[in-house]
Amino acid sequence: MARDYKNAGRRRRPAPKRGLPGWVWLLVGLFIGLSVALAVYLEGGGRKGPSQAPAAPPRPAPVAPEPRKEPQKEARDVRKRPEEPVPPPPKPRFDFYTLLPEQEVVIPEKEISGKPKQGVPQVEKPGTYLLQAGAFRKLEDADRLKASLALLGIQSNIHATTINKERWYRVRIGPYTNLDELNAVRLRLREHAIDALLVKINP
């Protein structure tokens, strides 16, 4: 059989290789892009994690309590001490000699020369007398004494007078001309710790 020498010297070219289809490369590129995006996202999410949260403000240093003041200790010491009795309010100061009219004479207790009865010197000199149980600058105080005398069965009156431009209220009992009755009232007043002033009214 005759050979075709004309074409015998020509070498056959290898058939061109077919490459991968375009859609495969598309998928590969898409996969790579997604991988890169995922890596970036994870890395960015890590930065925004708890480590990136703003730090809490530092707690203020504890403040030491102020030392207690000495007056408080003194107050505690005072509480431990027994309570002292409160002294009674001072009696109103006045001069009976200046509070009485000129026709009235105050007789001091030491000048009553009669015989003492239960510690009260008896008035024996005849005359007209009255007893002044107290004198006050406030009418309320005079009313209070008058009420106390009424509880003892002793009737009294309040006389207002002005001395040195000051108003005074005098609580008076009487007048008496009967010395026995006068001495009995004086004794009752002394028993209840009421020091009444003996006043003689001049005619």
N, C-alpha and C. Protein backbone atom coordinates (compact mmCIF):
# COMPACT_ATOMS: atom_id res chain seq x y z
N MET A 1 0.85 -1.16 0.00
CA MET A 1 0.00 0.00 0.00
C MET A 1 0.90 1.21 0.00
N ALA A 2 0.52 2.12 -0.81
CA ALA A 2 1.38 3.30 -0.99
C ALA A 2 1.16 4.25 0.15
N ARG A 3 2.21 4.80 0.70
CA ARG A 3 2.14 5.78 1.78
C ARG A 3 2.03 7.17 1.21
N ASP A 4 1.44 7.97 2.01
CA ASP A 4 1.32 9.37 1.60
C ASP A 4 2.52 10.08 2.16
N TYR A 5 3.53 10.12 1.29
CA TYR A 5 4.76 10.76 1.74
C TYR A 5 4.64 12.25 1.81
N LYS A 6 3.66 12.72 1.11
CA LYS A 6 3.48 14.17 1.11
C LYS A 6 3.13 14.67 2.50
N ASN A 7 2.34 13.93 3.13
CA ASN A 7 1.94 14.36 4.47
C ASN A 7 2.69 13.63 5.56
N ALA A 8 3.61 12.72 5.06
CA ALA A 8 4.29 11.93 6.07
C ALA A 8 5.27 12.75 6.86
N GLY A 9 5.84 13.76 6.19
CA GLY A 9 6.86 14.56 6.91
C GLY A 9 6.24 15.55 7.90
N ARG A 10 5.01 15.75 7.83
CA ARG A 10 4.34 16.65 8.77
C ARG A 10 3.92 15.92 10.04
N ARG A 11 4.31 16.56 11.11
CA ARG A 11 3.91 15.99 12.39
C ARG A 11 2.51 16.48 12.80
N ARG A 12 1.89 15.56 13.39
CA ARG A 12 0.56 15.95 13.87
C ARG A 12 0.67 16.85 15.12
N ARG A 13 -0.02 17.91 14.99
CA ARG A 13 -0.06 18.84 16.15
C ARG A 13 -1.02 18.29 17.22
N PRO A 14 -0.53 18.39 18.41
CA PRO A 14 -1.45 17.85 19.45
C PRO A 14 -2.69 18.72 19.56
N ALA A 15 -3.73 18.06 19.81
CA ALA A 15 -5.01 18.79 19.94
C ALA A 15 -4.94 19.72 21.15
N PRO A 16 -5.37 20.91 20.94
CA PRO A 16 -5.32 21.87 22.08
C PRO A 16 -6.16 21.39 23.28
N LYS A 17 -5.52 21.59 24.43
CA LYS A 17 -6.22 21.17 25.66
C LYS A 17 -7.33 22.16 26.01
N ARG A 18 -8.40 21.59 26.37
CA ARG A 18 -9.53 22.43 26.79
C ARG A 18 -9.34 22.88 28.25
N GLY A 19 -9.40 24.21 28.47
CA GLY A 19 -9.28 24.74 29.85
C GLY A 19 -10.56 24.53 30.65
N LEU A 20 -10.46 24.94 31.94
CA LEU A 20 -11.64 24.82 32.82
C LEU A 20 -12.72 25.79 32.37
N PRO A 21 -13.89 25.41 32.52
CA PRO A 21 -14.97 26.34 32.12
C PRO A 21 -14.93 27.64 32.94
N GLY A 22 -15.49 28.66 32.38
CA GLY A 22 -15.47 29.98 33.05
C GLY A 22 -16.25 30.01 34.37
N TRP A 23 -17.28 29.22 34.43
CA TRP A 23 -18.09 29.25 35.67
C TRP A 23 -17.32 28.67 36.84
N VAL A 24 -16.34 27.75 36.51
CA VAL A 24 -15.54 27.21 37.62
C VAL A 24 -14.69 28.30 38.23
N TRP A 25 -14.06 29.10 37.32
CA TRP A 25 -13.23 30.21 37.85
C TRP A 25 -14.08 31.22 38.60
N LEU A 26 -15.27 31.36 38.17
CA LEU A 26 -16.16 32.29 38.89
C LEU A 26 -16.44 31.81 40.30
N LEU A 27 -16.67 30.52 40.40
CA LEU A 27 -16.92 29.97 41.73
C LEU A 27 -15.68 30.07 42.61
N VAL A 28 -14.51 29.80 41.98
CA VAL A 28 -13.27 29.88 42.76
C VAL A 28 -13.04 31.30 43.25
N GLY A 29 -13.24 32.27 42.36
CA GLY A 29 -13.06 33.67 42.77
C GLY A 29 -14.05 34.07 43.85
N LEU A 30 -15.28 33.58 43.68
CA LEU A 30 -16.30 33.91 44.70
C LEU A 30 -15.94 33.30 46.05
N PHE A 31 -15.41 32.08 46.00
CA PHE A 31 -15.03 31.42 47.26
C PHE A 31 -13.89 32.15 47.94
N ILE A 32 -12.90 32.57 47.11
CA ILE A 32 -11.77 33.30 47.69
C ILE A 32 -12.24 34.62 48.29
N GLY A 33 -13.12 35.30 47.56
CA GLY A 33 -13.62 36.58 48.08
C GLY A 33 -14.38 36.42 49.40
N LEU A 34 -15.20 35.36 49.42
CA LEU A 34 -15.93 35.12 50.67
C LEU A 34 -14.99 34.78 51.81
N SER A 35 -13.94 34.01 51.51
CA SER A 35 -12.98 33.66 52.55
C SER A 35 -12.29 34.89 53.10
N VAL A 36 -11.88 35.77 52.16
CA VAL A 36 -11.22 37.01 52.61
C VAL A 36 -12.18 37.86 53.44
N ALA A 37 -13.42 37.97 52.98
CA ALA A 37 -14.41 38.77 53.72
C ALA A 37 -14.67 38.18 55.11
N LEU A 38 -14.72 36.85 55.17
CA LEU A 38 -14.94 36.20 56.46
C LEU A 38 -13.79 36.46 57.40
N ALA A 39 -12.57 36.38 56.87
CA ALA A 39 -11.39 36.61 57.71
C ALA A 39 -11.37 38.04 58.23
N VAL A 40 -11.71 38.99 57.32
CA VAL A 40 -11.74 40.41 57.75
C VAL A 40 -12.81 40.63 58.80
N TYR A 41 -13.96 40.00 58.58
CA TYR A 41 -15.07 40.16 59.54
C TYR A 41 -14.70 39.61 60.92
N LEU A 42 -14.09 38.40 60.92
CA LEU A 42 -13.70 37.80 62.19
C LEU A 42 -12.63 38.63 62.88
N GLU A 43 -11.71 39.14 62.09
CA GLU A 43 -10.66 39.97 62.69
C GLU A 43 -11.25 41.26 63.24
N GLY A 44 -12.15 41.87 62.47
CA GLY A 44 -12.79 43.10 62.96
C GLY A 44 -13.67 42.84 64.16
N GLY A 45 -14.39 41.70 64.15
CA GLY A 45 -15.22 41.36 65.31
C GLY A 45 -14.40 41.13 66.54
N GLY A 46 -13.21 40.57 66.38
CA GLY A 46 -12.32 40.37 67.53
C GLY A 46 -11.88 41.68 68.13
N ARG A 47 -11.67 42.69 67.25
CA ARG A 47 -11.25 43.99 67.78
C ARG A 47 -12.37 44.67 68.55
N LYS A 48 -13.63 44.38 68.11
CA LYS A 48 -14.77 45.01 68.80
C LYS A 48 -15.25 44.20 69.97
N GLY A 49 -14.51 43.13 70.32
CA GLY A 49 -14.93 42.28 71.41
C GLY A 49 -14.76 42.95 72.76
N PRO A 50 -14.85 42.15 73.82
CA PRO A 50 -14.75 42.70 75.17
C PRO A 50 -13.44 43.40 75.43
N SER A 51 -12.36 42.97 74.74
CA SER A 51 -11.09 43.61 74.99
C SER A 51 -11.09 45.06 74.55
N GLN A 52 -11.98 45.39 73.56
CA GLN A 52 -12.04 46.75 73.06
C GLN A 52 -13.08 47.58 73.80
N ALA A 53 -13.82 46.99 74.74
CA ALA A 53 -14.84 47.74 75.48
C ALA A 53 -14.16 48.81 76.31
N PRO A 54 -14.79 49.97 76.45
CA PRO A 54 -14.18 51.03 77.27
C PRO A 54 -13.98 50.57 78.69
N ALA A 55 -12.86 50.90 79.20
CA ALA A 55 -12.54 50.49 80.57
C ALA A 55 -13.45 51.20 81.56
N ALA A 56 -13.85 50.49 82.60
CA ALA A 56 -14.70 51.10 83.63
C ALA A 56 -13.91 52.16 84.37
N PRO A 57 -14.59 53.25 84.77
CA PRO A 57 -13.87 54.30 85.50
C PRO A 57 -13.31 53.75 86.80
N PRO A 58 -12.16 54.19 87.17
CA PRO A 58 -11.57 53.67 88.42
C PRO A 58 -12.40 54.05 89.62
N ARG A 59 -12.51 53.12 90.53
CA ARG A 59 -13.27 53.38 91.75
C ARG A 59 -12.54 54.40 92.62
N PRO A 60 -13.30 55.32 93.20
CA PRO A 60 -12.62 56.30 94.08
C PRO A 60 -12.03 55.61 95.30
N ALA A 61 -10.93 56.14 95.71
CA ALA A 61 -10.28 55.57 96.89
C ALA A 61 -11.16 55.75 98.11
N PRO A 62 -11.27 54.74 98.95
CA PRO A 62 -12.13 54.86 100.14
C PRO A 62 -11.65 56.00 101.03
N VAL A 63 -12.63 56.80 101.45
CA VAL A 63 -12.32 57.94 102.31
C VAL A 63 -12.34 57.49 103.76
N ALA A 64 -11.30 57.80 104.45
CA ALA A 64 -11.24 57.42 105.87
C ALA A 64 -12.24 58.22 106.66
N PRO A 65 -13.00 57.60 107.58
CA PRO A 65 -13.97 58.35 108.39
C PRO A 65 -13.29 59.40 109.24
N GLU A 66 -13.98 60.54 109.36
CA GLU A 66 -13.43 61.63 110.15
C GLU A 66 -13.37 61.24 111.62
N PRO A 67 -12.33 61.61 112.27
CA PRO A 67 -12.26 61.28 113.71
C PRO A 67 -13.33 62.01 114.49
N ARG A 68 -13.86 61.34 115.47
CA ARG A 68 -14.91 61.95 116.28
C ARG A 68 -14.34 63.12 117.08
N LYS A 69 -15.17 64.12 117.19
CA LYS A 69 -14.74 65.32 117.89
C LYS A 69 -14.81 65.09 119.40
N GLU A 70 -13.98 65.82 120.09
CA GLU A 70 -13.93 65.68 121.54
C GLU A 70 -15.23 66.05 122.24
N PRO A 71 -15.98 67.09 121.73
CA PRO A 71 -17.23 67.42 122.43
C PRO A 71 -18.19 66.27 122.53
N GLN A 72 -18.16 65.34 121.50
CA GLN A 72 -19.04 64.19 121.58
C GLN A 72 -18.66 63.28 122.74
N LYS A 73 -17.35 63.14 122.97
CA LYS A 73 -16.93 62.32 124.10
C LYS A 73 -17.38 62.95 125.41
N GLU A 74 -17.27 64.28 125.46
CA GLU A 74 -17.71 64.96 126.66
C GLU A 74 -19.20 64.77 126.87
N ALA A 75 -19.97 64.76 125.73
CA ALA A 75 -21.41 64.57 125.87
C ALA A 75 -21.72 63.19 126.43
N ARG A 76 -20.95 62.16 125.98
CA ARG A 76 -21.18 60.83 126.52
C ARG A 76 -20.83 60.77 128.00
N ASP A 77 -19.76 61.48 128.37
CA ASP A 77 -19.38 61.48 129.78
C ASP A 77 -20.45 62.16 130.62
N VAL A 78 -21.07 63.20 130.07
CA VAL A 78 -22.10 63.89 130.83
C VAL A 78 -23.31 62.99 131.05
N ARG A 79 -23.61 62.16 130.03
CA ARG A 79 -24.74 61.26 130.19
C ARG A 79 -24.51 60.25 131.29
N LYS A 80 -23.25 59.87 131.49
CA LYS A 80 -22.96 58.87 132.51
C LYS A 80 -23.08 59.46 133.91
N ARG A 81 -22.92 60.79 134.00
CA ARG A 81 -23.00 61.39 135.32
C ARG A 81 -24.44 61.41 135.81
N PRO A 82 -24.64 61.28 137.08
CA PRO A 82 -26.02 61.36 137.60
C PRO A 82 -26.59 62.75 137.39
N GLU A 83 -27.85 62.78 137.04
CA GLU A 83 -28.50 64.06 136.79
C GLU A 83 -28.57 64.88 138.08
N GLU A 84 -28.14 66.13 137.96
CA GLU A 84 -28.18 67.01 139.11
C GLU A 84 -29.56 67.65 139.20
N PRO A 85 -30.06 67.82 140.39
CA PRO A 85 -31.38 68.44 140.54
C PRO A 85 -31.37 69.87 140.03
N VAL A 86 -32.43 70.22 139.33
CA VAL A 86 -32.53 71.56 138.79
C VAL A 86 -32.95 72.51 139.91
N PRO A 87 -32.17 73.57 140.13
CA PRO A 87 -32.54 74.49 141.22
C PRO A 87 -33.82 75.22 140.89
N PRO A 88 -34.64 75.52 141.88
CA PRO A 88 -35.89 76.25 141.62
C PRO A 88 -35.59 77.65 141.11
N PRO A 89 -36.50 78.20 140.30
CA PRO A 89 -36.27 79.55 139.78
C PRO A 89 -36.20 80.56 140.91
N PRO A 90 -35.33 81.55 140.79
CA PRO A 90 -35.21 82.53 141.87
C PRO A 90 -36.50 83.33 142.04
N LYS A 91 -36.79 83.63 143.28
CA LYS A 91 -37.98 84.42 143.56
C LYS A 91 -37.76 85.85 143.09
N PRO A 92 -38.84 86.52 142.70
CA PRO A 92 -38.68 87.91 142.25
C PRO A 92 -38.13 88.78 143.35
N ARG A 93 -37.14 89.58 142.99
CA ARG A 93 -36.51 90.45 143.97
C ARG A 93 -37.23 91.79 144.01
N PHE A 94 -37.56 92.21 145.17
CA PHE A 94 -38.20 93.50 145.33
C PHE A 94 -38.01 93.96 146.77
N ASP A 95 -38.25 95.19 147.00
CA ASP A 95 -38.14 95.78 148.32
C ASP A 95 -39.54 96.12 148.80
N PHE A 96 -39.99 95.41 149.82
CA PHE A 96 -41.35 95.64 150.30
C PHE A 96 -41.53 97.06 150.85
N TYR A 97 -40.45 97.58 151.35
CA TYR A 97 -40.56 98.91 151.93
C TYR A 97 -40.85 99.97 150.87
N THR A 98 -40.37 99.74 149.64
CA THR A 98 -40.63 100.70 148.57
C THR A 98 -41.93 100.40 147.83
N LEU A 99 -42.44 99.18 148.01
CA LEU A 99 -43.67 98.82 147.33
C LEU A 99 -44.92 99.20 148.11
N LEU A 100 -44.78 99.53 149.34
CA LEU A 100 -45.93 99.81 150.19
C LEU A 100 -46.18 101.31 150.29
N PRO A 101 -47.44 101.71 150.39
CA PRO A 101 -47.74 103.13 150.57
C PRO A 101 -47.19 103.66 151.88
N GLU A 102 -47.21 104.96 152.01
CA GLU A 102 -46.63 105.58 153.21
C GLU A 102 -47.42 105.25 154.47
N GLN A 103 -48.72 105.02 154.34
CA GLN A 103 -49.52 104.75 155.53
C GLN A 103 -49.43 103.30 155.99
N GLU A 104 -48.64 102.50 155.29
CA GLU A 104 -48.48 101.10 155.67
C GLU A 104 -47.04 100.88 156.13
N VAL A 105 -46.89 100.12 157.18
CA VAL A 105 -45.58 99.87 157.77
C VAL A 105 -45.35 98.37 157.81
N VAL A 106 -44.19 97.97 157.28
CA VAL A 106 -43.82 96.56 157.33
C VAL A 106 -43.19 96.27 158.68
N ILE A 107 -43.65 95.19 159.31
CA ILE A 107 -43.10 94.77 160.59
C ILE A 107 -42.23 93.54 160.35
N PRO A 108 -40.91 93.66 160.50
CA PRO A 108 -40.04 92.49 160.32
C PRO A 108 -40.37 91.39 161.33
N GLU A 109 -40.08 90.18 160.96
CA GLU A 109 -40.40 89.03 161.80
C GLU A 109 -39.70 89.11 163.15
N LYS A 110 -38.48 89.62 163.17
CA LYS A 110 -37.73 89.67 164.43
C LYS A 110 -38.29 90.71 165.40
N GLU A 111 -39.13 91.61 164.91
CA GLU A 111 -39.71 92.62 165.79
C GLU A 111 -41.07 92.21 166.35
N ILE A 112 -41.55 91.03 165.96
CA ILE A 112 -42.79 90.53 166.54
C ILE A 112 -42.42 89.89 167.87
N SER A 113 -42.80 90.53 168.92
CA SER A 113 -42.31 90.16 170.27
C SER A 113 -43.21 89.18 171.01
N GLY A 114 -44.32 88.76 170.39
CA GLY A 114 -45.23 87.86 171.10
C GLY A 114 -44.65 86.46 171.25
N LYS A 115 -45.32 85.66 172.06
CA LYS A 115 -44.88 84.28 172.31
C LYS A 115 -44.96 83.45 171.03
N PRO A 116 -43.92 82.64 170.73
CA PRO A 116 -43.99 81.78 169.54
C PRO A 116 -44.98 80.64 169.74
N LYS A 117 -45.72 80.33 168.70
CA LYS A 117 -46.63 79.20 168.70
C LYS A 117 -46.31 78.35 167.48
N GLN A 118 -45.78 77.16 167.76
CA GLN A 118 -45.32 76.27 166.70
C GLN A 118 -44.31 76.98 165.80
N GLY A 119 -43.45 77.76 166.46
CA GLY A 119 -42.38 78.43 165.75
C GLY A 119 -42.78 79.75 165.12
N VAL A 120 -44.00 80.20 165.30
CA VAL A 120 -44.47 81.45 164.70
C VAL A 120 -44.73 82.44 165.83
N PRO A 121 -43.97 83.54 165.86
CA PRO A 121 -44.23 84.55 166.90
C PRO A 121 -45.64 85.13 166.75
N GLN A 122 -46.31 85.28 167.89
CA GLN A 122 -47.68 85.75 167.87
C GLN A 122 -47.73 87.28 167.91
N VAL A 123 -48.64 87.82 167.09
CA VAL A 123 -48.86 89.26 167.10
C VAL A 123 -49.79 89.57 168.26
N GLU A 124 -49.33 90.44 169.19
CA GLU A 124 -50.10 90.74 170.40
C GLU A 124 -50.49 92.22 170.49
N LYS A 125 -49.86 93.04 169.68
CA LYS A 125 -50.16 94.46 169.74
C LYS A 125 -51.40 94.75 168.90
N PRO A 126 -52.44 95.34 169.49
CA PRO A 126 -53.67 95.59 168.74
C PRO A 126 -53.42 96.53 167.56
N GLY A 127 -54.27 96.39 166.53
CA GLY A 127 -54.17 97.24 165.36
C GLY A 127 -54.82 96.57 164.16
N THR A 128 -54.66 97.21 163.03
CA THR A 128 -55.20 96.66 161.78
C THR A 128 -54.02 96.17 160.95
N TYR A 129 -54.08 94.87 160.58
CA TYR A 129 -52.97 94.24 159.88
C TYR A 129 -53.46 93.58 158.58
N LEU A 130 -52.54 93.42 157.71
CA LEU A 130 -52.77 92.58 156.52
C LEU A 130 -51.49 91.81 156.25
N LEU A 131 -51.62 90.75 155.47
CA LEU A 131 -50.48 89.90 155.11
C LEU A 131 -50.25 89.99 153.60
N GLN A 132 -49.01 90.22 153.25
CA GLN A 132 -48.65 90.25 151.82
C GLN A 132 -47.88 88.97 151.51
N ALA A 133 -48.51 88.08 150.71
CA ALA A 133 -47.92 86.78 150.42
C ALA A 133 -46.89 86.84 149.30
N GLY A 134 -46.92 87.89 148.48
CA GLY A 134 -45.93 87.99 147.41
C GLY A 134 -46.23 89.19 146.53
N ALA A 135 -45.23 89.60 145.76
CA ALA A 135 -45.37 90.68 144.79
C ALA A 135 -44.65 90.25 143.51
N PHE A 136 -45.31 90.43 142.38
CA PHE A 136 -44.80 89.93 141.11
C PHE A 136 -44.94 90.99 140.02
N ARG A 137 -44.08 90.88 139.02
CA ARG A 137 -44.17 91.76 137.86
C ARG A 137 -45.15 91.23 136.82
N LYS A 138 -45.48 89.96 136.91
CA LYS A 138 -46.42 89.36 135.96
C LYS A 138 -47.71 89.01 136.69
N LEU A 139 -48.83 89.39 136.07
CA LEU A 139 -50.12 89.10 136.66
C LEU A 139 -50.36 87.60 136.75
N GLU A 140 -49.82 86.84 135.79
CA GLU A 140 -50.03 85.39 135.82
C GLU A 140 -49.44 84.77 137.08
N ASP A 141 -48.27 85.25 137.51
CA ASP A 141 -47.66 84.71 138.72
C ASP A 141 -48.49 85.05 139.95
N ALA A 142 -49.04 86.25 139.97
CA ALA A 142 -49.89 86.63 141.10
C ALA A 142 -51.16 85.79 141.13
N ASP A 143 -51.75 85.54 139.97
CA ASP A 143 -52.95 84.69 139.92
C ASP A 143 -52.64 83.27 140.38
N ARG A 144 -51.46 82.79 140.05
CA ARG A 144 -51.09 81.44 140.46
C ARG A 144 -50.99 81.33 141.98
N LEU A 145 -50.39 82.33 142.61
CA LEU A 145 -50.29 82.30 144.07
C LEU A 145 -51.67 82.44 144.72
N LYS A 146 -52.49 83.28 144.13
CA LYS A 146 -53.85 83.46 144.67
C LYS A 146 -54.62 82.13 144.63
N ALA A 147 -54.47 81.37 143.53
CA ALA A 147 -55.15 80.08 143.43
C ALA A 147 -54.61 79.09 144.46
N SER A 148 -53.31 79.12 144.70
CA SER A 148 -52.72 78.23 145.71
C SER A 148 -53.27 78.54 147.10
N LEU A 149 -53.42 79.82 147.39
CA LEU A 149 -53.98 80.21 148.69
C LEU A 149 -55.44 79.78 148.82
N ALA A 150 -56.18 79.86 147.72
CA ALA A 150 -57.57 79.44 147.77
C ALA A 150 -57.70 77.96 148.09
N LEU A 151 -56.75 77.14 147.61
CA LEU A 151 -56.78 75.71 147.94
C LEU A 151 -56.54 75.47 149.41
N LEU A 152 -55.87 76.41 150.07
CA LEU A 152 -55.66 76.30 151.52
C LEU A 152 -56.79 76.91 152.32
N GLY A 153 -57.81 77.41 151.64
CA GLY A 153 -58.94 78.02 152.34
C GLY A 153 -58.67 79.45 152.76
N ILE A 154 -57.70 80.11 152.13
CA ILE A 154 -57.33 81.48 152.48
C ILE A 154 -57.72 82.39 151.31
N GLN A 155 -58.54 83.36 151.60
CA GLN A 155 -58.97 84.29 150.56
C GLN A 155 -57.96 85.42 150.45
N SER A 156 -57.60 85.79 149.22
CA SER A 156 -56.63 86.85 148.99
C SER A 156 -57.08 87.73 147.84
N ASN A 157 -56.41 88.87 147.70
CA ASN A 157 -56.72 89.82 146.64
C ASN A 157 -55.42 90.25 145.97
N ILE A 158 -55.56 90.69 144.72
CA ILE A 158 -54.41 91.18 143.96
C ILE A 158 -54.53 92.69 143.81
N HIS A 159 -53.50 93.41 144.25
CA HIS A 159 -53.46 94.86 144.15
C HIS A 159 -52.33 95.25 143.20
N ALA A 160 -52.65 96.04 142.19
CA ALA A 160 -51.66 96.49 141.22
C ALA A 160 -51.14 97.86 141.65
N THR A 161 -49.85 98.07 141.49
CA THR A 161 -49.24 99.35 141.81
C THR A 161 -48.07 99.60 140.86
N THR A 162 -47.71 100.87 140.69
CA THR A 162 -46.60 101.24 139.83
C THR A 162 -45.49 101.85 140.67
N ILE A 163 -44.31 101.24 140.60
CA ILE A 163 -43.15 101.70 141.35
C ILE A 163 -42.02 101.90 140.37
N ASN A 164 -41.48 103.11 140.31
CA ASN A 164 -40.37 103.44 139.39
C ASN A 164 -40.69 103.03 137.95
N LYS A 165 -41.92 103.36 137.54
CA LYS A 165 -42.41 103.11 136.18
C LYS A 165 -42.50 101.61 135.86
N GLU A 166 -42.53 100.79 136.90
CA GLU A 166 -42.70 99.35 136.71
C GLU A 166 -43.98 98.90 137.39
N ARG A 167 -44.69 98.01 136.73
CA ARG A 167 -45.96 97.51 137.24
C ARG A 167 -45.72 96.30 138.12
N TRP A 168 -46.29 96.34 139.33
CA TRP A 168 -46.17 95.25 140.28
C TRP A 168 -47.57 94.79 140.68
N TYR A 169 -47.67 93.48 140.96
CA TYR A 169 -48.94 92.89 141.40
C TYR A 169 -48.71 92.22 142.74
N ARG A 170 -49.41 92.76 143.77
CA ARG A 170 -49.21 92.27 145.13
C ARG A 170 -50.39 91.39 145.53
N VAL A 171 -50.06 90.24 146.13
CA VAL A 171 -51.08 89.30 146.62
C VAL A 171 -51.21 89.53 148.12
N ARG A 172 -52.39 90.00 148.54
CA ARG A 172 -52.59 90.38 149.94
C ARG A 172 -53.75 89.63 150.56
N ILE A 173 -53.61 89.41 151.87
CA ILE A 173 -54.62 88.71 152.66
C ILE A 173 -55.05 89.65 153.78
N GLY A 174 -56.33 89.79 153.97
CA GLY A 174 -56.84 90.68 155.03
C GLY A 174 -57.52 91.90 154.46
N PRO A 175 -57.64 92.94 155.25
CA PRO A 175 -56.99 93.17 156.56
C PRO A 175 -57.70 92.47 157.72
N TYR A 176 -56.94 92.36 158.85
CA TYR A 176 -57.43 91.73 160.07
C TYR A 176 -57.33 92.71 161.24
N THR A 177 -58.38 92.67 162.06
CA THR A 177 -58.32 93.37 163.36
C THR A 177 -58.36 92.37 164.50
N ASN A 178 -58.78 91.14 164.19
CA ASN A 178 -58.79 90.07 165.18
C ASN A 178 -57.43 89.39 165.16
N LEU A 179 -56.68 89.53 166.26
CA LEU A 179 -55.31 89.01 166.32
C LEU A 179 -55.28 87.48 166.29
N ASP A 180 -56.26 86.82 166.91
CA ASP A 180 -56.28 85.35 166.89
C ASP A 180 -56.44 84.84 165.44
N GLU A 181 -57.34 85.48 164.72
CA GLU A 181 -57.54 85.08 163.33
C GLU A 181 -56.29 85.37 162.50
N LEU A 182 -55.67 86.52 162.77
CA LEU A 182 -54.44 86.87 162.06
C LEU A 182 -53.33 85.86 162.32
N ASN A 183 -53.13 85.50 163.58
CA ASN A 183 -52.06 84.55 163.92
C ASN A 183 -52.35 83.15 163.38
N ALA A 184 -53.63 82.77 163.31
CA ALA A 184 -53.98 81.45 162.76
C ALA A 184 -53.63 81.38 161.26
N VAL A 185 -53.89 82.46 160.53
CA VAL A 185 -53.57 82.48 159.11
C VAL A 185 -52.06 82.47 158.90
N ARG A 186 -51.34 83.20 159.76
CA ARG A 186 -49.88 83.22 159.65
C ARG A 186 -49.30 81.83 159.90
N LEU A 187 -49.87 81.12 160.86
CA LEU A 187 -49.40 79.76 161.14
C LEU A 187 -49.67 78.83 159.96
N ARG A 188 -50.83 78.93 159.34
CA ARG A 188 -51.14 78.08 158.20
C ARG A 188 -50.22 78.37 157.02
N LEU A 189 -49.91 79.63 156.81
CA LEU A 189 -48.99 79.98 155.73
C LEU A 189 -47.60 79.42 155.98
N ARG A 190 -47.15 79.49 157.24
CA ARG A 190 -45.81 78.97 157.56
C ARG A 190 -45.76 77.45 157.37
N GLU A 191 -46.85 76.76 157.69
CA GLU A 191 -46.88 75.31 157.52
C GLU A 191 -46.73 74.91 156.05
N HIS A 192 -47.13 75.77 155.13
CA HIS A 192 -47.04 75.48 153.70
C HIS A 192 -45.90 76.25 153.04
N ALA A 193 -44.93 76.66 153.86
CA ALA A 193 -43.69 77.29 153.37
C ALA A 193 -43.98 78.56 152.56
N ILE A 194 -44.98 79.33 153.01
CA ILE A 194 -45.28 80.61 152.37
C ILE A 194 -44.91 81.71 153.37
N ASP A 195 -43.91 82.47 153.03
CA ASP A 195 -43.45 83.54 153.91
C ASP A 195 -44.23 84.81 153.59
N ALA A 196 -45.18 85.11 154.45
CA ALA A 196 -46.00 86.30 154.24
C ALA A 196 -45.43 87.46 155.06
N LEU A 197 -45.54 88.63 154.51
CA LEU A 197 -45.03 89.82 155.16
C LEU A 197 -46.15 90.45 155.99
N LEU A 198 -45.83 90.76 157.24
CA LEU A 198 -46.83 91.39 158.14
C LEU A 198 -46.78 92.90 157.93
N VAL A 199 -47.92 93.48 157.61
CA VAL A 199 -48.02 94.91 157.33
C VAL A 199 -49.06 95.50 158.28
N LYS A 200 -48.69 96.57 158.95
CA LYS A 200 -49.61 97.29 159.84
C LYS A 200 -50.10 98.54 159.13
N ILE A 201 -51.41 98.73 159.16
CA ILE A 201 -52.01 99.90 158.50
C ILE A 201 -52.18 100.98 159.55
N ASN A 202 -51.55 102.11 159.32
CA ASN A 202 -51.66 103.23 160.25
C ASN A 202 -53.02 103.94 160.07
N PRO A 203 -53.62 104.40 161.15
CA PRO A 203 -54.89 105.11 161.03
C PRO A 203 -54.72 106.47 160.38
